[in-house]
Amino acid sequence: MSEPTPSRMISIGALTVSLRDPAFYDRDTFSYERIEVLRGSASMLFGRGSTGGVVNQVQKQAVLADSNDASFTAGSGSFLRFAGDFNVKTGRTSALRLNVMKTDAKNAGNHVDKQGLALKYRWGIGTDDEVSASSYQLRNNNGINYGLPWLRQASRQPGANPSGMIAIDPRNHHAADSNYNVGGATYGTISWTHQFDNGGEMKTTLRHAA
């Protein structure tokens, strides 16, 4: 079964096009307004390789109101997570929004370590021409849980017969580099939206990702 293709959908009048998200990284919802899922075959809309459907990630945008929201979550396995959402109205038609996140967890040798920051600035809100600029950064250094690790008793031991293997407690296991999922995404986006008198709109977006 194919996995849905992450994307961001842009409406241009009656036409909908897709701005693809950078492909392979461990995502986080700290800066999402909502997530929309289009199930089924999507290749007729989004090109070859999109047979599993599409996940539309709608990012939070700056709005014309001052608001501050912060949350802190603690759980088992030394789970700690902080998320902040701060919006400032900077002018009659402009606003700035900042989303931040930090998550740590250690659970029987498997761990989570990630940080995120998303900054958005919009001006011309509510006018015929609206411009927005945003930056997004997410960093992951997470453990990959392969289950209970086993080692051969001797380096020359052939095969992986359980009778000749040693089970290691994952809490005391010093993981190799291959046991870590290190990655993330960094990108900046600039978009301009023009509203027509008949109710239609045209949106132009430029993104650079690394």
N, C-alpha and C. Protein backbone atom coordinates (compact mmCIF):
# COMPACT_ATOMS: atom_id res chain seq x y z
N MET A 1 0.85 -1.19 0.00
CA MET A 1 0.00 0.00 0.00
C MET A 1 0.89 1.24 0.00
N SER A 2 0.62 2.16 -0.88
CA SER A 2 1.42 3.38 -0.96
C SER A 2 1.00 4.35 0.14
N GLU A 3 1.98 5.07 0.67
CA GLU A 3 1.69 6.06 1.68
C GLU A 3 1.25 7.35 1.01
N PRO A 4 0.33 8.13 1.67
CA PRO A 4 -0.07 9.41 1.10
C PRO A 4 1.12 10.33 0.90
N THR A 5 1.06 11.14 -0.15
CA THR A 5 2.13 12.07 -0.45
C THR A 5 1.91 13.38 0.27
N PRO A 6 2.82 13.81 1.18
CA PRO A 6 2.65 15.09 1.86
C PRO A 6 2.72 16.24 0.86
N SER A 7 1.82 17.20 1.03
CA SER A 7 1.81 18.34 0.14
C SER A 7 1.09 19.49 0.82
N ARG A 8 1.16 20.64 0.19
CA ARG A 8 0.38 21.79 0.62
C ARG A 8 -0.42 22.24 -0.58
N MET A 9 -1.74 22.39 -0.40
CA MET A 9 -2.62 22.68 -1.52
C MET A 9 -2.90 24.17 -1.59
N ILE A 10 -2.89 24.72 -2.80
CA ILE A 10 -3.11 26.13 -3.04
C ILE A 10 -4.28 26.29 -3.99
N SER A 11 -5.25 27.13 -3.65
CA SER A 11 -6.41 27.34 -4.49
C SER A 11 -6.20 28.58 -5.35
N ILE A 12 -6.39 28.45 -6.66
CA ILE A 12 -6.30 29.58 -7.58
C ILE A 12 -7.62 29.64 -8.34
N GLY A 13 -8.56 30.45 -7.84
CA GLY A 13 -9.88 30.48 -8.44
C GLY A 13 -10.52 29.11 -8.34
N ALA A 14 -10.88 28.53 -9.51
CA ALA A 14 -11.48 27.20 -9.50
C ALA A 14 -10.44 26.10 -9.65
N LEU A 15 -9.15 26.49 -9.76
CA LEU A 15 -8.08 25.52 -9.98
C LEU A 15 -7.31 25.29 -8.69
N THR A 16 -7.01 24.02 -8.40
CA THR A 16 -6.23 23.69 -7.22
C THR A 16 -4.92 23.04 -7.64
N VAL A 17 -3.81 23.56 -7.15
CA VAL A 17 -2.50 22.99 -7.44
C VAL A 17 -1.83 22.64 -6.12
N SER A 18 -0.74 21.90 -6.20
CA SER A 18 -0.08 21.39 -5.01
C SER A 18 1.34 21.90 -4.93
N LEU A 19 1.72 22.38 -3.76
CA LEU A 19 3.11 22.73 -3.47
C LEU A 19 3.67 21.61 -2.61
N ARG A 20 4.55 20.80 -3.18
CA ARG A 20 5.03 19.62 -2.47
C ARG A 20 5.91 20.01 -1.29
N ASP A 21 5.77 19.22 -0.24
CA ASP A 21 6.58 19.40 0.95
C ASP A 21 7.89 18.64 0.76
N PRO A 22 9.01 19.13 1.35
CA PRO A 22 10.25 18.34 1.29
C PRO A 22 9.98 16.90 1.73
N ALA A 23 10.53 15.95 1.02
CA ALA A 23 10.05 14.58 1.07
C ALA A 23 10.24 13.85 2.39
N PHE A 24 11.48 13.45 2.74
CA PHE A 24 11.67 12.48 3.80
C PHE A 24 12.24 13.13 5.06
N TYR A 25 11.38 13.39 6.02
CA TYR A 25 11.82 13.79 7.36
C TYR A 25 10.69 13.49 8.34
N ASP A 26 11.03 13.36 9.61
CA ASP A 26 10.08 13.03 10.65
C ASP A 26 9.33 14.30 11.04
N ARG A 27 8.08 14.43 10.61
CA ARG A 27 7.33 15.66 10.81
C ARG A 27 6.78 15.81 12.22
N ASP A 28 6.37 17.04 12.56
CA ASP A 28 5.74 17.33 13.84
C ASP A 28 4.60 18.32 13.60
N THR A 29 3.56 18.25 14.43
CA THR A 29 2.36 19.06 14.22
C THR A 29 2.37 20.40 14.96
N PHE A 30 3.51 20.81 15.52
CA PHE A 30 3.52 21.98 16.39
C PHE A 30 3.08 23.27 15.68
N SER A 31 3.24 23.36 14.36
CA SER A 31 2.88 24.58 13.65
C SER A 31 1.70 24.38 12.69
N TYR A 32 0.96 23.27 12.84
CA TYR A 32 -0.16 22.99 11.95
C TYR A 32 -1.45 23.59 12.47
N GLU A 33 -2.22 24.17 11.57
CA GLU A 33 -3.58 24.60 11.88
C GLU A 33 -4.53 23.41 11.80
N ARG A 34 -4.34 22.60 10.76
CA ARG A 34 -5.13 21.39 10.57
C ARG A 34 -4.43 20.51 9.53
N ILE A 35 -4.88 19.26 9.44
CA ILE A 35 -4.37 18.31 8.46
C ILE A 35 -5.56 17.74 7.69
N GLU A 36 -5.49 17.81 6.37
CA GLU A 36 -6.55 17.30 5.52
C GLU A 36 -6.03 16.09 4.75
N VAL A 37 -6.84 15.04 4.65
CA VAL A 37 -6.43 13.81 3.99
C VAL A 37 -7.35 13.54 2.81
N LEU A 38 -6.76 13.43 1.62
CA LEU A 38 -7.48 13.04 0.42
C LEU A 38 -7.14 11.59 0.14
N ARG A 39 -8.09 10.71 0.35
CA ARG A 39 -7.84 9.27 0.20
C ARG A 39 -8.04 8.82 -1.23
N GLY A 40 -7.39 7.72 -1.55
CA GLY A 40 -7.56 7.12 -2.85
C GLY A 40 -6.55 7.62 -3.87
N SER A 41 -6.78 7.26 -5.12
CA SER A 41 -5.86 7.61 -6.18
C SER A 41 -5.86 9.13 -6.38
N ALA A 42 -4.65 9.71 -6.40
CA ALA A 42 -4.52 11.15 -6.56
C ALA A 42 -3.61 11.52 -7.72
N SER A 43 -3.21 10.52 -8.53
CA SER A 43 -2.25 10.80 -9.59
C SER A 43 -2.81 11.75 -10.65
N MET A 44 -4.13 11.76 -10.83
CA MET A 44 -4.69 12.65 -11.84
C MET A 44 -4.60 14.11 -11.40
N LEU A 45 -4.43 14.35 -10.09
CA LEU A 45 -4.31 15.71 -9.59
C LEU A 45 -2.86 16.09 -9.32
N PHE A 46 -2.05 15.14 -8.84
CA PHE A 46 -0.73 15.47 -8.32
C PHE A 46 0.40 14.72 -9.00
N GLY A 47 0.15 14.07 -10.13
CA GLY A 47 1.22 13.45 -10.89
C GLY A 47 1.48 12.01 -10.52
N ARG A 48 2.37 11.37 -11.29
CA ARG A 48 2.71 9.97 -11.06
C ARG A 48 3.33 9.78 -9.68
N GLY A 49 3.09 8.60 -9.11
CA GLY A 49 3.67 8.30 -7.80
C GLY A 49 2.80 8.74 -6.65
N SER A 50 1.60 9.26 -6.92
CA SER A 50 0.73 9.76 -5.86
C SER A 50 -0.52 8.91 -5.71
N THR A 51 -0.40 7.60 -5.99
CA THR A 51 -1.57 6.73 -6.00
C THR A 51 -2.15 6.50 -4.62
N GLY A 52 -1.39 6.78 -3.56
CA GLY A 52 -1.88 6.51 -2.22
C GLY A 52 -2.69 7.62 -1.62
N GLY A 53 -2.84 8.74 -2.31
CA GLY A 53 -3.59 9.85 -1.76
C GLY A 53 -2.66 11.01 -1.39
N VAL A 54 -3.23 12.01 -0.75
CA VAL A 54 -2.49 13.23 -0.43
C VAL A 54 -2.81 13.67 0.99
N VAL A 55 -1.79 14.09 1.72
CA VAL A 55 -1.96 14.71 3.03
C VAL A 55 -1.66 16.20 2.88
N ASN A 56 -2.66 17.04 3.12
CA ASN A 56 -2.50 18.49 3.01
C ASN A 56 -2.21 19.06 4.39
N GLN A 57 -1.00 19.58 4.57
CA GLN A 57 -0.60 20.16 5.85
C GLN A 57 -0.83 21.67 5.81
N VAL A 58 -1.79 22.14 6.59
CA VAL A 58 -2.14 23.56 6.61
C VAL A 58 -1.43 24.21 7.79
N GLN A 59 -0.47 25.08 7.49
CA GLN A 59 0.30 25.74 8.54
C GLN A 59 -0.50 26.89 9.16
N LYS A 60 -0.23 27.17 10.43
CA LYS A 60 -0.81 28.33 11.08
C LYS A 60 -0.30 29.60 10.41
N GLN A 61 -1.19 30.61 10.30
CA GLN A 61 -0.84 31.87 9.68
C GLN A 61 -1.01 33.01 10.68
N ALA A 62 -0.27 34.07 10.44
CA ALA A 62 -0.42 35.25 11.30
C ALA A 62 -1.79 35.87 11.08
N VAL A 63 -2.44 36.32 12.15
CA VAL A 63 -3.78 36.90 12.10
C VAL A 63 -3.77 38.27 12.78
N LEU A 64 -4.81 39.05 12.54
CA LEU A 64 -4.88 40.42 13.07
C LEU A 64 -5.43 40.43 14.49
N ALA A 65 -4.71 39.80 15.39
CA ALA A 65 -5.10 39.76 16.81
C ALA A 65 -3.89 39.35 17.63
N ASP A 66 -3.78 39.89 18.83
CA ASP A 66 -2.72 39.49 19.74
C ASP A 66 -3.16 38.26 20.53
N SER A 67 -2.34 37.24 20.54
CA SER A 67 -2.67 36.03 21.29
C SER A 67 -1.40 35.30 21.66
N ASN A 68 -1.43 34.64 22.82
CA ASN A 68 -0.29 33.86 23.31
C ASN A 68 -0.81 32.56 23.90
N ASP A 69 -0.22 31.46 23.49
CA ASP A 69 -0.63 30.16 24.00
C ASP A 69 0.60 29.29 24.19
N ALA A 70 0.73 28.70 25.36
CA ALA A 70 1.86 27.82 25.64
C ALA A 70 1.34 26.59 26.37
N SER A 71 1.93 25.44 26.04
CA SER A 71 1.52 24.19 26.69
C SER A 71 2.74 23.40 27.08
N PHE A 72 2.62 22.68 28.19
CA PHE A 72 3.70 21.82 28.67
C PHE A 72 3.10 20.47 29.01
N THR A 73 3.71 19.41 28.48
CA THR A 73 3.20 18.05 28.68
C THR A 73 4.29 17.18 29.27
N ALA A 74 3.93 16.40 30.29
CA ALA A 74 4.86 15.45 30.90
C ALA A 74 4.19 14.08 30.93
N GLY A 75 4.98 13.04 30.71
CA GLY A 75 4.43 11.70 30.70
C GLY A 75 5.44 10.65 31.09
N SER A 76 5.05 9.40 30.99
CA SER A 76 5.95 8.30 31.33
C SER A 76 7.09 8.23 30.34
N GLY A 77 8.14 7.50 30.72
CA GLY A 77 9.32 7.42 29.87
C GLY A 77 10.07 8.73 29.79
N SER A 78 9.99 9.55 30.84
CA SER A 78 10.66 10.85 30.89
C SER A 78 10.24 11.76 29.75
N PHE A 79 8.96 11.64 29.34
CA PHE A 79 8.45 12.46 28.23
C PHE A 79 8.20 13.89 28.69
N LEU A 80 8.81 14.84 28.00
CA LEU A 80 8.63 16.26 28.27
C LEU A 80 8.45 16.97 26.94
N ARG A 81 7.41 17.80 26.83
CA ARG A 81 7.17 18.54 25.58
C ARG A 81 6.66 19.95 25.90
N PHE A 82 7.27 20.92 25.23
CA PHE A 82 6.82 22.32 25.33
C PHE A 82 6.47 22.81 23.94
N ALA A 83 5.34 23.49 23.82
CA ALA A 83 4.92 24.08 22.55
C ALA A 83 4.39 25.47 22.82
N GLY A 84 4.84 26.44 22.03
CA GLY A 84 4.39 27.82 22.19
C GLY A 84 3.86 28.38 20.89
N ASP A 85 2.79 29.16 20.97
CA ASP A 85 2.15 29.78 19.81
C ASP A 85 1.89 31.24 20.15
N PHE A 86 2.62 32.14 19.50
CA PHE A 86 2.55 33.56 19.85
C PHE A 86 2.26 34.38 18.59
N ASN A 87 1.21 35.20 18.65
CA ASN A 87 0.80 36.03 17.51
C ASN A 87 0.72 37.49 17.94
N VAL A 88 1.30 38.37 17.12
CA VAL A 88 1.33 39.80 17.44
C VAL A 88 0.83 40.57 16.22
N LYS A 89 -0.17 41.44 16.43
CA LYS A 89 -0.62 42.35 15.38
C LYS A 89 0.36 43.51 15.32
N THR A 90 1.04 43.66 14.20
CA THR A 90 2.09 44.67 14.08
C THR A 90 1.62 45.93 13.36
N GLY A 91 0.44 45.91 12.74
CA GLY A 91 -0.07 47.07 12.02
C GLY A 91 -1.52 46.87 11.66
N ARG A 92 -2.09 47.81 10.91
CA ARG A 92 -3.51 47.71 10.56
C ARG A 92 -3.79 46.49 9.70
N THR A 93 -2.84 46.12 8.84
CA THR A 93 -3.04 44.96 7.95
C THR A 93 -1.88 43.97 8.02
N SER A 94 -1.12 43.97 9.11
CA SER A 94 0.05 43.10 9.19
C SER A 94 0.12 42.41 10.55
N ALA A 95 0.75 41.24 10.58
CA ALA A 95 0.85 40.47 11.82
C ALA A 95 2.04 39.52 11.74
N LEU A 96 2.53 39.13 12.91
CA LEU A 96 3.67 38.22 13.03
C LEU A 96 3.28 37.06 13.94
N ARG A 97 3.66 35.84 13.56
CA ARG A 97 3.33 34.66 14.37
C ARG A 97 4.56 33.78 14.53
N LEU A 98 4.76 33.31 15.75
CA LEU A 98 5.90 32.46 16.08
C LEU A 98 5.40 31.19 16.75
N ASN A 99 5.83 30.03 16.24
CA ASN A 99 5.55 28.74 16.86
C ASN A 99 6.87 28.06 17.20
N VAL A 100 6.98 27.56 18.42
CA VAL A 100 8.19 26.88 18.87
C VAL A 100 7.81 25.56 19.52
N MET A 101 8.75 24.61 19.53
CA MET A 101 8.51 23.30 20.11
C MET A 101 9.81 22.67 20.55
N LYS A 102 9.77 21.96 21.68
CA LYS A 102 10.89 21.17 22.16
C LYS A 102 10.33 19.91 22.80
N THR A 103 10.82 18.75 22.37
CA THR A 103 10.33 17.47 22.89
C THR A 103 11.50 16.58 23.24
N ASP A 104 11.45 15.97 24.44
CA ASP A 104 12.46 15.01 24.90
C ASP A 104 11.74 13.83 25.54
N ALA A 105 12.26 12.64 25.30
CA ALA A 105 11.72 11.45 25.94
C ALA A 105 12.78 10.37 25.94
N LYS A 106 12.79 9.59 27.01
CA LYS A 106 13.70 8.44 27.11
C LYS A 106 12.89 7.29 27.67
N ASN A 107 12.76 6.24 26.88
CA ASN A 107 11.90 5.13 27.27
C ASN A 107 12.58 3.81 26.93
N ALA A 108 13.19 3.20 27.92
CA ALA A 108 13.83 1.89 27.77
C ALA A 108 14.81 1.87 26.61
N GLY A 109 15.66 2.86 26.52
CA GLY A 109 16.67 2.89 25.49
C GLY A 109 16.25 3.57 24.21
N ASN A 110 14.95 3.77 24.01
CA ASN A 110 14.45 4.46 22.83
C ASN A 110 14.16 5.90 23.21
N HIS A 111 14.64 6.86 22.44
CA HIS A 111 14.51 8.25 22.86
C HIS A 111 13.98 9.13 21.74
N VAL A 112 13.46 10.29 22.14
CA VAL A 112 13.00 11.33 21.22
C VAL A 112 13.69 12.63 21.61
N ASP A 113 14.26 13.29 20.62
CA ASP A 113 14.93 14.58 20.85
C ASP A 113 14.69 15.43 19.61
N LYS A 114 13.77 16.39 19.69
CA LYS A 114 13.47 17.21 18.52
C LYS A 114 13.11 18.63 18.94
N GLN A 115 13.41 19.57 18.02
CA GLN A 115 13.13 20.98 18.23
C GLN A 115 12.56 21.55 16.94
N GLY A 116 11.65 22.51 17.09
CA GLY A 116 11.06 23.13 15.90
C GLY A 116 10.81 24.61 16.10
N LEU A 117 10.89 25.36 15.01
CA LEU A 117 10.62 26.80 15.03
C LEU A 117 9.99 27.19 13.69
N ALA A 118 8.89 27.93 13.75
CA ALA A 118 8.21 28.41 12.55
C ALA A 118 7.84 29.87 12.75
N LEU A 119 8.28 30.72 11.83
CA LEU A 119 8.05 32.16 11.91
C LEU A 119 7.32 32.61 10.64
N LYS A 120 6.21 33.36 10.82
CA LYS A 120 5.43 33.83 9.67
C LYS A 120 5.12 35.32 9.84
N TYR A 121 5.22 36.05 8.74
CA TYR A 121 4.86 37.47 8.73
C TYR A 121 3.97 37.73 7.52
N ARG A 122 2.81 38.34 7.75
CA ARG A 122 1.87 38.66 6.68
C ARG A 122 1.58 40.15 6.69
N TRP A 123 1.48 40.73 5.50
CA TRP A 123 1.04 42.11 5.40
C TRP A 123 0.10 42.26 4.21
N GLY A 124 -0.76 43.26 4.29
CA GLY A 124 -1.82 43.40 3.30
C GLY A 124 -2.99 42.49 3.59
N ILE A 125 -3.14 42.05 4.84
CA ILE A 125 -4.24 41.14 5.20
C ILE A 125 -5.57 41.85 5.00
N GLY A 126 -6.48 41.22 4.28
CA GLY A 126 -7.79 41.80 4.02
C GLY A 126 -7.83 42.75 2.84
N THR A 127 -6.70 42.96 2.16
CA THR A 127 -6.65 43.82 0.99
C THR A 127 -6.61 42.98 -0.28
N ASP A 128 -6.60 43.66 -1.43
CA ASP A 128 -6.57 42.92 -2.70
C ASP A 128 -5.24 42.22 -2.92
N ASP A 129 -4.18 42.70 -2.30
CA ASP A 129 -2.86 42.09 -2.47
C ASP A 129 -2.26 41.78 -1.11
N GLU A 130 -2.13 40.50 -0.84
CA GLU A 130 -1.58 40.05 0.44
C GLU A 130 -0.26 39.32 0.20
N VAL A 131 0.73 39.62 1.01
CA VAL A 131 2.05 39.00 0.90
C VAL A 131 2.40 38.35 2.23
N SER A 132 3.02 37.19 2.17
CA SER A 132 3.47 36.52 3.39
C SER A 132 4.86 35.95 3.19
N ALA A 133 5.63 35.97 4.25
CA ALA A 133 6.97 35.38 4.24
C ALA A 133 7.09 34.51 5.50
N SER A 134 7.63 33.33 5.33
CA SER A 134 7.72 32.41 6.47
C SER A 134 8.99 31.59 6.39
N SER A 135 9.43 31.14 7.55
CA SER A 135 10.55 30.21 7.63
C SER A 135 10.18 29.09 8.59
N TYR A 136 10.75 27.92 8.33
CA TYR A 136 10.42 26.72 9.11
C TYR A 136 11.68 25.91 9.31
N GLN A 137 11.87 25.45 10.53
CA GLN A 137 13.03 24.61 10.84
C GLN A 137 12.63 23.54 11.84
N LEU A 138 12.99 22.30 11.52
CA LEU A 138 12.72 21.16 12.40
C LEU A 138 13.95 20.29 12.45
N ARG A 139 14.38 19.90 13.65
CA ARG A 139 15.54 19.05 13.84
C ARG A 139 15.15 17.84 14.68
N ASN A 140 15.54 16.64 14.20
CA ASN A 140 15.26 15.39 14.90
C ASN A 140 16.54 14.64 15.18
N ASN A 141 16.64 14.08 16.37
CA ASN A 141 17.71 13.15 16.72
C ASN A 141 17.07 12.04 17.54
N ASN A 142 16.22 11.27 16.86
CA ASN A 142 15.38 10.30 17.54
C ASN A 142 15.95 8.89 17.43
N GLY A 143 15.66 8.09 18.43
CA GLY A 143 16.05 6.69 18.38
C GLY A 143 15.09 5.89 17.53
N ILE A 144 15.59 4.80 16.96
CA ILE A 144 14.76 3.89 16.18
C ILE A 144 14.65 2.59 16.97
N ASN A 145 13.44 2.20 17.29
CA ASN A 145 13.23 1.01 18.11
C ASN A 145 13.15 -0.22 17.22
N TYR A 146 14.21 -1.01 17.22
CA TYR A 146 14.24 -2.25 16.45
C TYR A 146 13.77 -3.45 17.28
N GLY A 147 13.29 -3.19 18.48
CA GLY A 147 12.93 -4.28 19.36
C GLY A 147 14.10 -4.67 20.25
N LEU A 148 14.07 -5.87 20.81
CA LEU A 148 15.12 -6.34 21.70
C LEU A 148 16.37 -6.67 20.89
N PRO A 149 17.49 -5.98 21.13
CA PRO A 149 18.70 -6.25 20.33
C PRO A 149 19.37 -7.56 20.74
N TRP A 150 19.96 -8.26 19.76
CA TRP A 150 20.66 -9.52 19.97
C TRP A 150 22.05 -9.41 19.37
N LEU A 151 23.00 -10.05 20.01
CA LEU A 151 24.37 -10.09 19.51
C LEU A 151 24.85 -11.53 19.43
N ARG A 152 25.71 -11.81 18.44
CA ARG A 152 26.33 -13.12 18.37
C ARG A 152 27.35 -13.26 19.50
N GLN A 153 27.51 -14.47 20.04
CA GLN A 153 28.46 -14.71 21.11
C GLN A 153 29.89 -14.59 20.62
N ALA A 154 30.12 -14.85 19.34
CA ALA A 154 31.46 -14.74 18.76
C ALA A 154 31.34 -14.15 17.37
N SER A 155 32.34 -13.37 17.00
CA SER A 155 32.29 -12.69 15.70
C SER A 155 32.29 -13.68 14.54
N ARG A 156 32.85 -14.87 14.73
CA ARG A 156 32.90 -15.86 13.66
C ARG A 156 31.69 -16.79 13.67
N GLN A 157 30.77 -16.55 14.55
CA GLN A 157 29.61 -17.43 14.65
C GLN A 157 28.76 -17.32 13.37
N PRO A 158 28.50 -18.44 12.70
CA PRO A 158 27.67 -18.38 11.48
C PRO A 158 26.19 -18.31 11.84
N GLY A 159 25.44 -17.63 11.01
CA GLY A 159 24.00 -17.58 11.17
C GLY A 159 23.57 -16.82 12.41
N ALA A 160 22.26 -16.92 12.67
CA ALA A 160 21.68 -16.21 13.82
C ALA A 160 20.78 -17.15 14.60
N ASN A 161 21.33 -18.32 14.94
CA ASN A 161 20.59 -19.29 15.73
C ASN A 161 20.36 -18.72 17.13
N PRO A 162 19.10 -18.63 17.58
CA PRO A 162 18.83 -18.04 18.90
C PRO A 162 19.61 -18.68 20.04
N SER A 163 19.95 -19.98 19.92
CA SER A 163 20.68 -20.65 20.99
C SER A 163 22.09 -20.10 21.13
N GLY A 164 22.59 -19.43 20.08
CA GLY A 164 23.93 -18.87 20.14
C GLY A 164 23.96 -17.36 20.19
N MET A 165 22.82 -16.75 20.55
CA MET A 165 22.74 -15.30 20.59
C MET A 165 22.59 -14.81 22.03
N ILE A 166 22.99 -13.58 22.26
CA ILE A 166 22.89 -12.95 23.58
C ILE A 166 21.92 -11.78 23.48
N ALA A 167 20.89 -11.79 24.33
CA ALA A 167 19.93 -10.69 24.37
C ALA A 167 20.48 -9.57 25.25
N ILE A 168 20.31 -8.33 24.80
CA ILE A 168 20.81 -7.16 25.52
C ILE A 168 19.63 -6.32 25.99
N ASP A 169 19.63 -5.92 27.23
CA ASP A 169 18.61 -5.02 27.75
C ASP A 169 18.72 -3.68 27.03
N PRO A 170 17.68 -3.24 26.32
CA PRO A 170 17.79 -1.99 25.55
C PRO A 170 18.07 -0.77 26.41
N ARG A 171 17.76 -0.85 27.71
CA ARG A 171 18.05 0.29 28.59
C ARG A 171 19.54 0.46 28.81
N ASN A 172 20.30 -0.61 28.62
CA ASN A 172 21.75 -0.54 28.80
C ASN A 172 22.50 -0.67 27.48
N HIS A 173 21.75 -0.57 26.40
CA HIS A 173 22.35 -0.78 25.07
C HIS A 173 22.87 0.55 24.54
N HIS A 174 24.15 0.62 24.25
CA HIS A 174 24.73 1.81 23.63
C HIS A 174 24.54 1.68 22.12
N ALA A 175 23.56 2.39 21.60
CA ALA A 175 23.14 2.20 20.21
C ALA A 175 24.21 2.65 19.23
N ALA A 176 24.25 1.97 18.11
CA ALA A 176 25.14 2.36 17.02
C ALA A 176 24.52 3.54 16.26
N ASP A 177 25.31 4.13 15.35
CA ASP A 177 24.80 5.26 14.57
C ASP A 177 23.56 4.88 13.77
N SER A 178 23.48 3.62 13.36
CA SER A 178 22.33 3.18 12.57
C SER A 178 21.05 3.12 13.38
N ASN A 179 21.15 3.24 14.70
CA ASN A 179 19.97 3.20 15.56
C ASN A 179 19.38 4.58 15.82
N TYR A 180 19.87 5.59 15.11
CA TYR A 180 19.38 6.95 15.30
C TYR A 180 18.79 7.47 14.00
N ASN A 181 17.69 8.19 14.12
CA ASN A 181 17.06 8.84 12.97
C ASN A 181 17.35 10.33 13.08
N VAL A 182 18.47 10.76 12.51
CA VAL A 182 18.90 12.16 12.58
C VAL A 182 18.52 12.85 11.28
N GLY A 183 17.80 13.93 11.37
CA GLY A 183 17.39 14.63 10.17
C GLY A 183 16.54 15.83 10.50
N GLY A 184 15.79 16.29 9.52
CA GLY A 184 14.94 17.45 9.71
C GLY A 184 14.73 18.17 8.40
N ALA A 185 14.23 19.40 8.49
CA ALA A 185 13.96 20.19 7.30
C ALA A 185 14.11 21.67 7.64
N THR A 186 14.58 22.42 6.65
CA THR A 186 14.69 23.87 6.75
C THR A 186 14.22 24.46 5.43
N TYR A 187 13.26 25.37 5.47
CA TYR A 187 12.83 26.00 4.24
C TYR A 187 12.21 27.37 4.52
N GLY A 188 12.26 28.20 3.49
CA GLY A 188 11.63 29.51 3.54
C GLY A 188 10.64 29.64 2.40
N THR A 189 9.54 30.35 2.66
CA THR A 189 8.46 30.47 1.67
C THR A 189 8.00 31.92 1.58
N ILE A 190 7.81 32.39 0.35
CA ILE A 190 7.24 33.71 0.10
C ILE A 190 6.05 33.52 -0.83
N SER A 191 4.92 34.15 -0.50
CA SER A 191 3.74 34.02 -1.35
C SER A 191 3.04 35.36 -1.49
N TRP A 192 2.41 35.53 -2.66
CA TRP A 192 1.63 36.73 -2.96
C TRP A 192 0.26 36.29 -3.47
N THR A 193 -0.79 36.85 -2.89
CA THR A 193 -2.16 36.52 -3.28
C THR A 193 -2.87 37.78 -3.75
N HIS A 194 -3.42 37.72 -4.96
CA HIS A 194 -4.19 38.85 -5.51
C HIS A 194 -5.66 38.46 -5.61
N GLN A 195 -6.54 39.27 -5.05
CA GLN A 195 -7.98 39.03 -5.09
C GLN A 195 -8.59 39.81 -6.24
N PHE A 196 -9.35 39.11 -7.08
CA PHE A 196 -10.05 39.75 -8.19
C PHE A 196 -11.44 40.20 -7.75
N ASP A 197 -11.99 41.15 -8.48
CA ASP A 197 -13.31 41.70 -8.12
C ASP A 197 -14.42 40.67 -8.24
N ASN A 198 -14.24 39.64 -9.08
CA ASN A 198 -15.29 38.64 -9.27
C ASN A 198 -15.25 37.53 -8.23
N GLY A 199 -14.36 37.67 -7.23
CA GLY A 199 -14.28 36.67 -6.17
C GLY A 199 -13.18 35.66 -6.35
N GLY A 200 -12.55 35.62 -7.54
CA GLY A 200 -11.44 34.70 -7.75
C GLY A 200 -10.15 35.26 -7.18
N GLU A 201 -9.13 34.43 -7.15
CA GLU A 201 -7.84 34.87 -6.64
C GLU A 201 -6.71 34.17 -7.39
N MET A 202 -5.56 34.80 -7.40
CA MET A 202 -4.35 34.21 -7.98
C MET A 202 -3.26 34.24 -6.92
N LYS A 203 -2.63 33.10 -6.74
CA LYS A 203 -1.62 32.98 -5.72
C LYS A 203 -0.31 32.49 -6.32
N THR A 204 0.77 33.19 -6.03
CA THR A 204 2.10 32.82 -6.49
C THR A 204 2.98 32.52 -5.28
N THR A 205 3.63 31.38 -5.29
CA THR A 205 4.42 30.96 -4.13
C THR A 205 5.80 30.50 -4.57
N LEU A 206 6.80 30.92 -3.81
CA LEU A 206 8.19 30.52 -4.05
C LEU A 206 8.75 29.91 -2.76
N ARG A 207 9.35 28.73 -2.89
CA ARG A 207 9.91 28.07 -1.70
C ARG A 207 11.31 27.58 -2.00
N HIS A 208 12.20 27.75 -1.02
CA HIS A 208 13.54 27.17 -1.09
C HIS A 208 13.72 26.31 0.16
N ALA A 209 14.11 25.05 -0.06
CA ALA A 209 14.24 24.11 1.05
C ALA A 209 15.61 23.47 1.03
N ALA A 210 16.07 23.06 2.23
CA ALA A 210 17.34 22.38 2.36
C ALA A 210 17.21 21.23 3.34
